């Protein structure tokens, strides 16, 4: 089981931030690190 656990899992996530969320990045940090990426600024 230990040997199986050492396998690496990789996630390929795009580094590009959606244009909608780039409007107010400070607000995202204020509200916490975890922000719904698909939410609009208005939401």
ModelCIF file with pLDDT and N, C-alpha, C, O atoms, coordinates in Angstrom:
data_MODEL
#
_entry.id   MODEL 
#
_entity.id                         1 
_entity.type                       polymer 
_entity.pdbx_number_of_molecules   1 
#
_entity_poly.entity_id                      1 
_entity_poly.type                           'polypeptide(L)' 
_entity_poly.nstd_linkage                   no 
_entity_poly.nstd_monomer                   no 
_entity_poly.pdbx_seq_one_letter_code       
;(UNK)(UNK)(UNK)(UNK)(UNK)(UNK)(UNK)(UNK)(UNK)(UNK)(UNK)(UNK)(UNK)(UNK)(UNK)(UNK)
(UNK)(UNK)(UNK)(UNK)(UNK)(UNK)(UNK)(UNK)(UNK)(UNK)(UNK)(UNK)(UNK)(UNK)(UNK)(UNK)
(UNK)(UNK)(UNK)(UNK)(UNK)(UNK)(UNK)(UNK)(UNK)(UNK)(UNK)
;
_entity_poly.pdbx_seq_one_letter_code_can   XXXXXXXXXXXXXXXXXXXXXXXXXXXXXXXXXXXXXXXXXXX 
_entity_poly.pdbx_strand_id                 A 
#
loop_
_entity_poly_seq.entity_id 
_entity_poly_seq.num 
_entity_poly_seq.mon_id 
_entity_poly_seq.hetero 
1 1  UNK n 
1 2  UNK n 
1 3  UNK n 
1 4  UNK n 
1 5  UNK n 
1 6  UNK n 
1 7  UNK n 
1 8  UNK n 
1 9  UNK n 
1 10 UNK n 
1 11 UNK n 
1 12 UNK n 
1 13 UNK n 
1 14 UNK n 
1 15 UNK n 
1 16 UNK n 
1 17 UNK n 
1 18 UNK n 
1 19 UNK n 
1 20 UNK n 
1 21 UNK n 
1 22 UNK n 
1 23 UNK n 
1 24 UNK n 
1 25 UNK n 
1 26 UNK n 
1 27 UNK n 
1 28 UNK n 
1 29 UNK n 
1 30 UNK n 
1 31 UNK n 
1 32 UNK n 
1 33 UNK n 
1 34 UNK n 
1 35 UNK n 
1 36 UNK n 
1 37 UNK n 
1 38 UNK n 
1 39 UNK n 
1 40 UNK n 
1 41 UNK n 
1 42 UNK n 
1 43 UNK n 
#
_struct_asym.id          A 
_struct_asym.entity_id   1 
#
loop_
_ma_qa_metric.id 
_ma_qa_metric.mode 
_ma_qa_metric.name 
_ma_qa_metric.software_group_id 
_ma_qa_metric.type 
1 global pLDDT . pLDDT 
2 local  pLDDT . pLDDT 
#
_ma_qa_metric_global.metric_id      1 
_ma_qa_metric_global.metric_value   53.44 
_ma_qa_metric_global.model_id       1 
_ma_qa_metric_global.ordinal_id     1 
#
loop_
_ma_qa_metric_local.label_asym_id 
_ma_qa_metric_local.label_comp_id 
_ma_qa_metric_local.label_seq_id 
_ma_qa_metric_local.metric_id 
_ma_qa_metric_local.metric_value 
_ma_qa_metric_local.model_id 
_ma_qa_metric_local.ordinal_id 
A UNK 1  2 52.00 1 1  
A UNK 2  2 50.00 1 2  
A UNK 3  2 50.00 1 3  
A UNK 4  2 51.00 1 4  
A UNK 5  2 50.00 1 5  
A UNK 6  2 56.00 1 6  
A UNK 7  2 60.00 1 7  
A UNK 8  2 64.00 1 8  
A UNK 9  2 67.00 1 9  
A UNK 10 2 68.00 1 10 
A UNK 11 2 67.00 1 11 
A UNK 12 2 66.00 1 12 
A UNK 13 2 67.00 1 13 
A UNK 14 2 62.00 1 14 
A UNK 15 2 62.00 1 15 
A UNK 16 2 64.00 1 16 
A UNK 17 2 58.00 1 17 
A UNK 18 2 57.00 1 18 
A UNK 19 2 57.00 1 19 
A UNK 20 2 51.00 1 20 
A UNK 21 2 53.00 1 21 
A UNK 22 2 54.00 1 22 
A UNK 23 2 49.00 1 23 
A UNK 24 2 51.00 1 24 
A UNK 25 2 45.00 1 25 
A UNK 26 2 47.00 1 26 
A UNK 27 2 46.00 1 27 
A UNK 28 2 46.00 1 28 
A UNK 29 2 47.00 1 29 
A UNK 30 2 47.00 1 30 
A UNK 31 2 49.00 1 31 
A UNK 32 2 50.00 1 32 
A UNK 33 2 50.00 1 33 
A UNK 34 2 51.00 1 34 
A UNK 35 2 47.00 1 35 
A UNK 36 2 46.00 1 36 
A UNK 37 2 46.00 1 37 
A UNK 38 2 47.00 1 38 
A UNK 39 2 48.00 1 39 
A UNK 40 2 50.00 1 40 
A UNK 41 2 49.00 1 41 
A UNK 42 2 51.00 1 42 
A UNK 43 2 50.00 1 43 
#
loop_
_atom_site.group_PDB 
_atom_site.id 
_atom_site.type_symbol 
_atom_site.label_atom_id 
_atom_site.label_alt_id 
_atom_site.label_comp_id 
_atom_site.label_asym_id 
_atom_site.label_entity_id 
_atom_site.label_seq_id 
_atom_site.pdbx_PDB_ins_code 
_atom_site.Cartn_x 
_atom_site.Cartn_y 
_atom_site.Cartn_z 
_atom_site.occupancy 
_atom_site.B_iso_or_equiv 
_atom_site.pdbx_formal_charge 
_atom_site.auth_seq_id 
_atom_site.auth_comp_id 
_atom_site.auth_asym_id 
_atom_site.auth_atom_id 
_atom_site.pdbx_PDB_model_num 
ATOM 1   N N  . UNK A 1 1  ? 0.827   -1.206 0.000   1.00 52.00 ? 1  UNK A N  1 
ATOM 2   C CA . UNK A 1 1  ? 0.000   0.000  0.000   1.00 52.00 ? 1  UNK A CA 1 
ATOM 3   C C  . UNK A 1 1  ? 0.863   1.259  0.000   1.00 52.00 ? 1  UNK A C  1 
ATOM 4   O O  . UNK A 1 1  ? 0.539   2.253  -0.650  1.00 52.00 ? 1  UNK A O  1 
ATOM 5   N N  . UNK A 1 2  ? 1.995   1.194  0.760   1.00 50.00 ? 2  UNK A N  1 
ATOM 6   C CA . UNK A 1 2  ? 2.894   2.341  0.802   1.00 50.00 ? 2  UNK A CA 1 
ATOM 7   C C  . UNK A 1 2  ? 3.496   2.634  -0.562  1.00 50.00 ? 2  UNK A C  1 
ATOM 8   O O  . UNK A 1 2  ? 3.638   3.787  -0.968  1.00 50.00 ? 2  UNK A O  1 
ATOM 9   N N  . UNK A 1 3  ? 3.849   1.551  -1.264  1.00 50.00 ? 3  UNK A N  1 
ATOM 10  C CA . UNK A 1 3  ? 4.440   1.728  -2.592  1.00 50.00 ? 3  UNK A CA 1 
ATOM 11  C C  . UNK A 1 3  ? 3.443   2.367  -3.550  1.00 50.00 ? 3  UNK A C  1 
ATOM 12  O O  . UNK A 1 3  ? 3.799   3.208  -4.376  1.00 50.00 ? 3  UNK A O  1 
ATOM 13  N N  . UNK A 1 4  ? 2.183   1.947  -3.418  1.00 51.00 ? 4  UNK A N  1 
ATOM 14  C CA . UNK A 1 4  ? 1.148   2.513  -4.285  1.00 51.00 ? 4  UNK A CA 1 
ATOM 15  C C  . UNK A 1 4  ? 0.952   4.000  -3.973  1.00 51.00 ? 4  UNK A C  1 
ATOM 16  O O  . UNK A 1 4  ? 0.730   4.803  -4.879  1.00 51.00 ? 4  UNK A O  1 
ATOM 17  N N  . UNK A 1 5  ? 1.036   4.364  -2.680  1.00 50.00 ? 5  UNK A N  1 
ATOM 18  C CA . UNK A 1 5  ? 0.816   5.735  -2.252  1.00 50.00 ? 5  UNK A CA 1 
ATOM 19  C C  . UNK A 1 5  ? 1.867   6.702  -2.758  1.00 50.00 ? 5  UNK A C  1 
ATOM 20  O O  . UNK A 1 5  ? 1.616   7.906  -2.821  1.00 50.00 ? 5  UNK A O  1 
ATOM 21  N N  . UNK A 1 6  ? 3.035   6.203  -3.117  1.00 56.00 ? 6  UNK A N  1 
ATOM 22  C CA . UNK A 1 6  ? 4.101   7.090  -3.571  1.00 56.00 ? 6  UNK A CA 1 
ATOM 23  C C  . UNK A 1 6  ? 3.947   7.532  -5.011  1.00 56.00 ? 6  UNK A C  1 
ATOM 24  O O  . UNK A 1 6  ? 4.713   8.366  -5.495  1.00 56.00 ? 6  UNK A O  1 
ATOM 25  N N  . UNK A 1 7  ? 2.952   6.972  -5.703  1.00 60.00 ? 7  UNK A N  1 
ATOM 26  C CA . UNK A 1 7  ? 2.744   7.369  -7.092  1.00 60.00 ? 7  UNK A CA 1 
ATOM 27  C C  . UNK A 1 7  ? 2.323   8.837  -7.154  1.00 60.00 ? 7  UNK A C  1 
ATOM 28  O O  . UNK A 1 7  ? 1.552   9.285  -6.306  1.00 60.00 ? 7  UNK A O  1 
ATOM 29  N N  . UNK A 1 8  ? 2.795   9.567  -8.105  1.00 64.00 ? 8  UNK A N  1 
ATOM 30  C CA . UNK A 1 8  ? 2.496   10.985 -8.246  1.00 64.00 ? 8  UNK A CA 1 
ATOM 31  C C  . UNK A 1 8  ? 1.237   11.199 -9.090  1.00 64.00 ? 8  UNK A C  1 
ATOM 32  O O  . UNK A 1 8  ? 1.056   10.584 -10.140 1.00 64.00 ? 8  UNK A O  1 
ATOM 33  N N  . UNK A 1 9  ? 0.378   12.085 -8.599  1.00 67.00 ? 9  UNK A N  1 
ATOM 34  C CA . UNK A 1 9  ? -0.814  12.451 -9.362  1.00 67.00 ? 9  UNK A CA 1 
ATOM 35  C C  . UNK A 1 9  ? -0.624  13.888 -9.830  1.00 67.00 ? 9  UNK A C  1 
ATOM 36  O O  . UNK A 1 9  ? -0.345  14.771 -9.018  1.00 67.00 ? 9  UNK A O  1 
ATOM 37  N N  . UNK A 1 10 ? -0.766  14.122 -11.071 1.00 68.00 ? 10 UNK A N  1 
ATOM 38  C CA . UNK A 1 10 ? -0.539  15.448 -11.616 1.00 68.00 ? 10 UNK A CA 1 
ATOM 39  C C  . UNK A 1 10 ? -1.839  16.048 -12.147 1.00 68.00 ? 10 UNK A C  1 
ATOM 40  O O  . UNK A 1 10 ? -2.662  15.365 -12.757 1.00 68.00 ? 10 UNK A O  1 
ATOM 41  N N  . UNK A 1 11 ? -1.993  17.341 -11.896 1.00 67.00 ? 11 UNK A N  1 
ATOM 42  C CA . UNK A 1 11 ? -3.138  18.084 -12.434 1.00 67.00 ? 11 UNK A CA 1 
ATOM 43  C C  . UNK A 1 11 ? -2.617  19.141 -13.393 1.00 67.00 ? 11 UNK A C  1 
ATOM 44  O O  . UNK A 1 11 ? -1.746  19.936 -13.040 1.00 67.00 ? 11 UNK A O  1 
ATOM 45  N N  . UNK A 1 12 ? -3.135  19.147 -14.567 1.00 66.00 ? 12 UNK A N  1 
ATOM 46  C CA . UNK A 1 12 ? -2.722  20.158 -15.547 1.00 66.00 ? 12 UNK A CA 1 
ATOM 47  C C  . UNK A 1 12 ? -3.766  21.271 -15.567 1.00 66.00 ? 12 UNK A C  1 
ATOM 48  O O  . UNK A 1 12 ? -4.793  21.163 -16.238 1.00 66.00 ? 12 UNK A O  1 
ATOM 49  N N  . UNK A 1 13 ? -3.486  22.355 -14.811 1.00 67.00 ? 13 UNK A N  1 
ATOM 50  C CA . UNK A 1 13 ? -4.424  23.479 -14.724 1.00 67.00 ? 13 UNK A CA 1 
ATOM 51  C C  . UNK A 1 13 ? -3.832  24.667 -15.456 1.00 67.00 ? 13 UNK A C  1 
ATOM 52  O O  . UNK A 1 13 ? -2.656  24.997 -15.301 1.00 67.00 ? 13 UNK A O  1 
ATOM 53  N N  . UNK A 1 14 ? -4.659  25.291 -16.242 1.00 62.00 ? 14 UNK A N  1 
ATOM 54  C CA . UNK A 1 14 ? -4.207  26.451 -16.999 1.00 62.00 ? 14 UNK A CA 1 
ATOM 55  C C  . UNK A 1 14 ? -3.873  27.601 -16.053 1.00 62.00 ? 14 UNK A C  1 
ATOM 56  O O  . UNK A 1 14 ? -4.627  27.873 -15.118 1.00 62.00 ? 14 UNK A O  1 
ATOM 57  N N  . UNK A 1 15 ? -2.771  28.262 -16.285 1.00 62.00 ? 15 UNK A N  1 
ATOM 58  C CA . UNK A 1 15 ? -2.353  29.380 -15.426 1.00 62.00 ? 15 UNK A CA 1 
ATOM 59  C C  . UNK A 1 15 ? -3.051  30.675 -15.787 1.00 62.00 ? 15 UNK A C  1 
ATOM 60  O O  . UNK A 1 15 ? -2.926  31.671 -15.075 1.00 62.00 ? 15 UNK A O  1 
ATOM 61  N N  . UNK A 1 16 ? -3.779  30.667 -16.879 1.00 64.00 ? 16 UNK A N  1 
ATOM 62  C CA . UNK A 1 16 ? -4.457  31.879 -17.307 1.00 64.00 ? 16 UNK A CA 1 
ATOM 63  C C  . UNK A 1 16 ? -5.676  32.148 -16.431 1.00 64.00 ? 16 UNK A C  1 
ATOM 64  O O  . UNK A 1 16 ? -6.516  31.266 -16.248 1.00 64.00 ? 16 UNK A O  1 
ATOM 65  N N  . UNK A 1 17 ? -5.777  33.361 -15.889 1.00 58.00 ? 17 UNK A N  1 
ATOM 66  C CA . UNK A 1 17 ? -6.923  33.756 -15.063 1.00 58.00 ? 17 UNK A CA 1 
ATOM 67  C C  . UNK A 1 17 ? -7.991  34.333 -15.970 1.00 58.00 ? 17 UNK A C  1 
ATOM 68  O O  . UNK A 1 17 ? -7.699  35.206 -16.788 1.00 58.00 ? 17 UNK A O  1 
ATOM 69  N N  . UNK A 1 18 ? -9.226  33.861 -15.843 1.00 57.00 ? 18 UNK A N  1 
ATOM 70  C CA . UNK A 1 18 ? -10.297 34.406 -16.686 1.00 57.00 ? 18 UNK A CA 1 
ATOM 71  C C  . UNK A 1 18 ? -10.349 35.925 -16.598 1.00 57.00 ? 18 UNK A C  1 
ATOM 72  O O  . UNK A 1 18 ? -10.084 36.488 -15.535 1.00 57.00 ? 18 UNK A O  1 
ATOM 73  N N  . UNK A 1 19 ? -10.678 36.583 -17.667 1.00 57.00 ? 19 UNK A N  1 
ATOM 74  C CA . UNK A 1 19 ? -10.707 38.048 -17.737 1.00 57.00 ? 19 UNK A CA 1 
ATOM 75  C C  . UNK A 1 19 ? -11.651 38.653 -16.719 1.00 57.00 ? 19 UNK A C  1 
ATOM 76  O O  . UNK A 1 19 ? -11.392 39.735 -16.192 1.00 57.00 ? 19 UNK A O  1 
ATOM 77  N N  . UNK A 1 20 ? -12.747 37.962 -16.440 1.00 51.00 ? 20 UNK A N  1 
ATOM 78  C CA . UNK A 1 20 ? -13.745 38.475 -15.490 1.00 51.00 ? 20 UNK A CA 1 
ATOM 79  C C  . UNK A 1 20 ? -13.163 38.619 -14.105 1.00 51.00 ? 20 UNK A C  1 
ATOM 80  O O  . UNK A 1 20 ? -13.440 39.584 -13.393 1.00 51.00 ? 20 UNK A O  1 
ATOM 81  N N  . UNK A 1 21 ? -12.330 37.620 -13.723 1.00 53.00 ? 21 UNK A N  1 
ATOM 82  C CA . UNK A 1 21 ? -11.773 37.640 -12.375 1.00 53.00 ? 21 UNK A CA 1 
ATOM 83  C C  . UNK A 1 21 ? -10.581 38.569 -12.254 1.00 53.00 ? 21 UNK A C  1 
ATOM 84  O O  . UNK A 1 21 ? -10.165 38.875 -11.136 1.00 53.00 ? 21 UNK A O  1 
ATOM 85  N N  . UNK A 1 22 ? -10.019 39.024 -13.351 1.00 54.00 ? 22 UNK A N  1 
ATOM 86  C CA . UNK A 1 22 ? -8.866  39.915 -13.302 1.00 54.00 ? 22 UNK A CA 1 
ATOM 87  C C  . UNK A 1 22 ? -9.267  41.343 -12.972 1.00 54.00 ? 22 UNK A C  1 
ATOM 88  O O  . UNK A 1 22 ? -8.404  42.182 -12.715 1.00 54.00 ? 22 UNK A O  1 
ATOM 89  N N  . UNK A 1 23 ? -10.574 41.635 -12.974 1.00 49.00 ? 23 UNK A N  1 
ATOM 90  C CA . UNK A 1 23 ? -11.038 43.004 -12.747 1.00 49.00 ? 23 UNK A CA 1 
ATOM 91  C C  . UNK A 1 23 ? -10.666 43.491 -11.347 1.00 49.00 ? 23 UNK A C  1 
ATOM 92  O O  . UNK A 1 23 ? -10.217 44.624 -11.173 1.00 49.00 ? 23 UNK A O  1 
ATOM 93  N N  . UNK A 1 24 ? -10.859 42.623 -10.353 1.00 51.00 ? 24 UNK A N  1 
ATOM 94  C CA . UNK A 1 24 ? -10.602 43.040 -8.974  1.00 51.00 ? 24 UNK A CA 1 
ATOM 95  C C  . UNK A 1 24 ? -9.932  41.926 -8.181  1.00 51.00 ? 24 UNK A C  1 
ATOM 96  O O  . UNK A 1 24 ? -10.573 41.313 -7.328  1.00 51.00 ? 24 UNK A O  1 
ATOM 97  N N  . UNK A 1 25 ? -8.635  41.645 -8.448  1.00 45.00 ? 25 UNK A N  1 
ATOM 98  C CA . UNK A 1 25 ? -7.943  40.552 -7.764  1.00 45.00 ? 25 UNK A CA 1 
ATOM 99  C C  . UNK A 1 25 ? -7.843  40.754 -6.266  1.00 45.00 ? 25 UNK A C  1 
ATOM 100 O O  . UNK A 1 25 ? -7.817  39.778 -5.517  1.00 45.00 ? 25 UNK A O  1 
ATOM 101 N N  . UNK A 1 26 ? -7.783  42.034 -5.795  1.00 47.00 ? 26 UNK A N  1 
ATOM 102 C CA . UNK A 1 26 ? -7.666  42.297 -4.355  1.00 47.00 ? 26 UNK A CA 1 
ATOM 103 C C  . UNK A 1 26 ? -8.879  41.771 -3.609  1.00 47.00 ? 26 UNK A C  1 
ATOM 104 O O  . UNK A 1 26 ? -8.768  41.257 -2.497  1.00 47.00 ? 26 UNK A O  1 
ATOM 105 N N  . UNK A 1 27 ? -10.019 41.904 -4.227  1.00 46.00 ? 27 UNK A N  1 
ATOM 106 C CA . UNK A 1 27 ? -11.275 41.484 -3.601  1.00 46.00 ? 27 UNK A CA 1 
ATOM 107 C C  . UNK A 1 27 ? -11.253 39.977 -3.374  1.00 46.00 ? 27 UNK A C  1 
ATOM 108 O O  . UNK A 1 27 ? -11.780 39.483 -2.377  1.00 46.00 ? 27 UNK A O  1 
ATOM 109 N N  . UNK A 1 28 ? -10.621 39.232 -4.334  1.00 46.00 ? 28 UNK A N  1 
ATOM 110 C CA . UNK A 1 28 ? -10.560 37.785 -4.205  1.00 46.00 ? 28 UNK A CA 1 
ATOM 111 C C  . UNK A 1 28 ? -9.754  37.399 -2.977  1.00 46.00 ? 28 UNK A C  1 
ATOM 112 O O  . UNK A 1 28 ? -10.134 36.492 -2.237  1.00 46.00 ? 28 UNK A O  1 
ATOM 113 N N  . UNK A 1 29 ? -8.626  38.097 -2.757  1.00 47.00 ? 29 UNK A N  1 
ATOM 114 C CA . UNK A 1 29 ? -7.780  37.776 -1.614  1.00 47.00 ? 29 UNK A CA 1 
ATOM 115 C C  . UNK A 1 29 ? -8.481  38.129 -0.314  1.00 47.00 ? 29 UNK A C  1 
ATOM 116 O O  . UNK A 1 29 ? -8.336  37.434 0.692   1.00 47.00 ? 29 UNK A O  1 
ATOM 117 N N  . UNK A 1 30 ? -9.240  39.215 -0.344  1.00 47.00 ? 30 UNK A N  1 
ATOM 118 C CA . UNK A 1 30 ? -9.946  39.662 0.857   1.00 47.00 ? 30 UNK A CA 1 
ATOM 119 C C  . UNK A 1 30 ? -10.972 38.640 1.302   1.00 47.00 ? 30 UNK A C  1 
ATOM 120 O O  . UNK A 1 30 ? -11.115 38.361 2.492   1.00 47.00 ? 30 UNK A O  1 
ATOM 121 N N  . UNK A 1 31 ? -11.684 38.086 0.337   1.00 49.00 ? 31 UNK A N  1 
ATOM 122 C CA . UNK A 1 31 ? -12.759 37.147 0.641   1.00 49.00 ? 31 UNK A CA 1 
ATOM 123 C C  . UNK A 1 31 ? -12.250 35.739 0.944   1.00 49.00 ? 31 UNK A C  1 
ATOM 124 O O  . UNK A 1 31 ? -13.036 34.848 1.264   1.00 49.00 ? 31 UNK A O  1 
ATOM 125 N N  . UNK A 1 32 ? -10.941 35.540 0.844   1.00 50.00 ? 32 UNK A N  1 
ATOM 126 C CA . UNK A 1 32 ? -10.379 34.217 1.107   1.00 50.00 ? 32 UNK A CA 1 
ATOM 127 C C  . UNK A 1 32 ? -9.683  33.689 -0.135  1.00 50.00 ? 32 UNK A C  1 
ATOM 128 O O  . UNK A 1 32 ? -9.911  34.170 -1.245  1.00 50.00 ? 32 UNK A O  1 
ATOM 129 N N  . UNK A 1 33 ? -8.829  32.689 0.069   1.00 50.00 ? 33 UNK A N  1 
ATOM 130 C CA . UNK A 1 33 ? -8.053  32.156 -1.045  1.00 50.00 ? 33 UNK A CA 1 
ATOM 131 C C  . UNK A 1 33 ? -8.923  31.334 -1.992  1.00 50.00 ? 33 UNK A C  1 
ATOM 132 O O  . UNK A 1 33 ? -8.722  31.344 -3.206  1.00 50.00 ? 33 UNK A O  1 
ATOM 133 N N  . UNK A 1 34 ? -9.896  30.619 -1.414  1.00 51.00 ? 34 UNK A N  1 
ATOM 134 C CA . UNK A 1 34 ? -10.719 29.771 -2.265  1.00 51.00 ? 34 UNK A CA 1 
ATOM 135 C C  . UNK A 1 34 ? -11.878 30.574 -2.836  1.00 51.00 ? 34 UNK A C  1 
ATOM 136 O O  . UNK A 1 34 ? -12.780 30.979 -2.102  1.00 51.00 ? 34 UNK A O  1 
ATOM 137 N N  . UNK A 1 35 ? -11.856 30.799 -4.114  1.00 47.00 ? 35 UNK A N  1 
ATOM 138 C CA . UNK A 1 35 ? -12.898 31.558 -4.796  1.00 47.00 ? 35 UNK A CA 1 
ATOM 139 C C  . UNK A 1 35 ? -13.402 30.709 -5.946  1.00 47.00 ? 35 UNK A C  1 
ATOM 140 O O  . UNK A 1 35 ? -12.611 30.054 -6.626  1.00 47.00 ? 35 UNK A O  1 
ATOM 141 N N  . UNK A 1 36 ? -14.712 30.711 -6.175  1.00 46.00 ? 36 UNK A N  1 
ATOM 142 C CA . UNK A 1 36 ? -15.261 29.961 -7.299  1.00 46.00 ? 36 UNK A CA 1 
ATOM 143 C C  . UNK A 1 36 ? -14.767 30.599 -8.597  1.00 46.00 ? 36 UNK A C  1 
ATOM 144 O O  . UNK A 1 36 ? -15.091 31.745 -8.910  1.00 46.00 ? 36 UNK A O  1 
ATOM 145 N N  . UNK A 1 37 ? -13.973 29.825 -9.342  1.00 46.00 ? 37 UNK A N  1 
ATOM 146 C CA . UNK A 1 37 ? -13.328 30.364 -10.530 1.00 46.00 ? 37 UNK A CA 1 
ATOM 147 C C  . UNK A 1 37 ? -14.314 30.764 -11.620 1.00 46.00 ? 37 UNK A C  1 
ATOM 148 O O  . UNK A 1 37 ? -14.019 31.634 -12.439 1.00 46.00 ? 37 UNK A O  1 
ATOM 149 N N  . UNK A 1 38 ? -15.487 30.129 -11.631 1.00 47.00 ? 38 UNK A N  1 
ATOM 150 C CA . UNK A 1 38 ? -16.436 30.407 -12.694 1.00 47.00 ? 38 UNK A CA 1 
ATOM 151 C C  . UNK A 1 38 ? -17.476 31.465 -12.316 1.00 47.00 ? 38 UNK A C  1 
ATOM 152 O O  . UNK A 1 38 ? -18.394 31.752 -13.084 1.00 47.00 ? 38 UNK A O  1 
ATOM 153 N N  . UNK A 1 39 ? -17.317 32.035 -11.126 1.00 48.00 ? 39 UNK A N  1 
ATOM 154 C CA . UNK A 1 39 ? -18.253 33.091 -10.713 1.00 48.00 ? 39 UNK A CA 1 
ATOM 155 C C  . UNK A 1 39 ? -17.872 34.391 -11.397 1.00 48.00 ? 39 UNK A C  1 
ATOM 156 O O  . UNK A 1 39 ? -16.694 34.651 -11.642 1.00 48.00 ? 39 UNK A O  1 
ATOM 157 N N  . UNK A 1 40 ? -18.864 35.199 -11.702 1.00 50.00 ? 40 UNK A N  1 
ATOM 158 C CA . UNK A 1 40 ? -18.598 36.501 -12.317 1.00 50.00 ? 40 UNK A CA 1 
ATOM 159 C C  . UNK A 1 40 ? -18.296 37.508 -11.226 1.00 50.00 ? 40 UNK A C  1 
ATOM 160 O O  . UNK A 1 40 ? -18.549 37.250 -10.049 1.00 50.00 ? 40 UNK A O  1 
ATOM 161 N N  . UNK A 1 41 ? -17.752 38.660 -11.613 1.00 49.00 ? 41 UNK A N  1 
ATOM 162 C CA . UNK A 1 41 ? -17.443 39.703 -10.638 1.00 49.00 ? 41 UNK A CA 1 
ATOM 163 C C  . UNK A 1 41 ? -18.701 40.159 -9.923  1.00 49.00 ? 41 UNK A C  1 
ATOM 164 O O  . UNK A 1 41 ? -18.684 40.399 -8.716  1.00 49.00 ? 41 UNK A O  1 
ATOM 165 N N  . UNK A 1 42 ? -19.787 40.277 -10.667 1.00 51.00 ? 42 UNK A N  1 
ATOM 166 C CA . UNK A 1 42 ? -21.052 40.737 -10.090 1.00 51.00 ? 42 UNK A CA 1 
ATOM 167 C C  . UNK A 1 42 ? -21.537 39.776 -9.011  1.00 51.00 ? 42 UNK A C  1 
ATOM 168 O O  . UNK A 1 42 ? -22.047 40.199 -7.974  1.00 51.00 ? 42 UNK A O  1 
ATOM 169 N N  . UNK A 1 43 ? -21.367 38.445 -9.272  1.00 50.00 ? 43 UNK A N  1 
ATOM 170 C CA . UNK A 1 43 ? -21.789 37.440 -8.291  1.00 50.00 ? 43 UNK A CA 1 
ATOM 171 C C  . UNK A 1 43 ? -20.949 37.514 -7.032  1.00 50.00 ? 43 UNK A C  1 
ATOM 172 O O  . UNK A 1 43 ? -21.165 36.741 -6.099  1.00 50.00 ? 43 UNK A O  1 
#
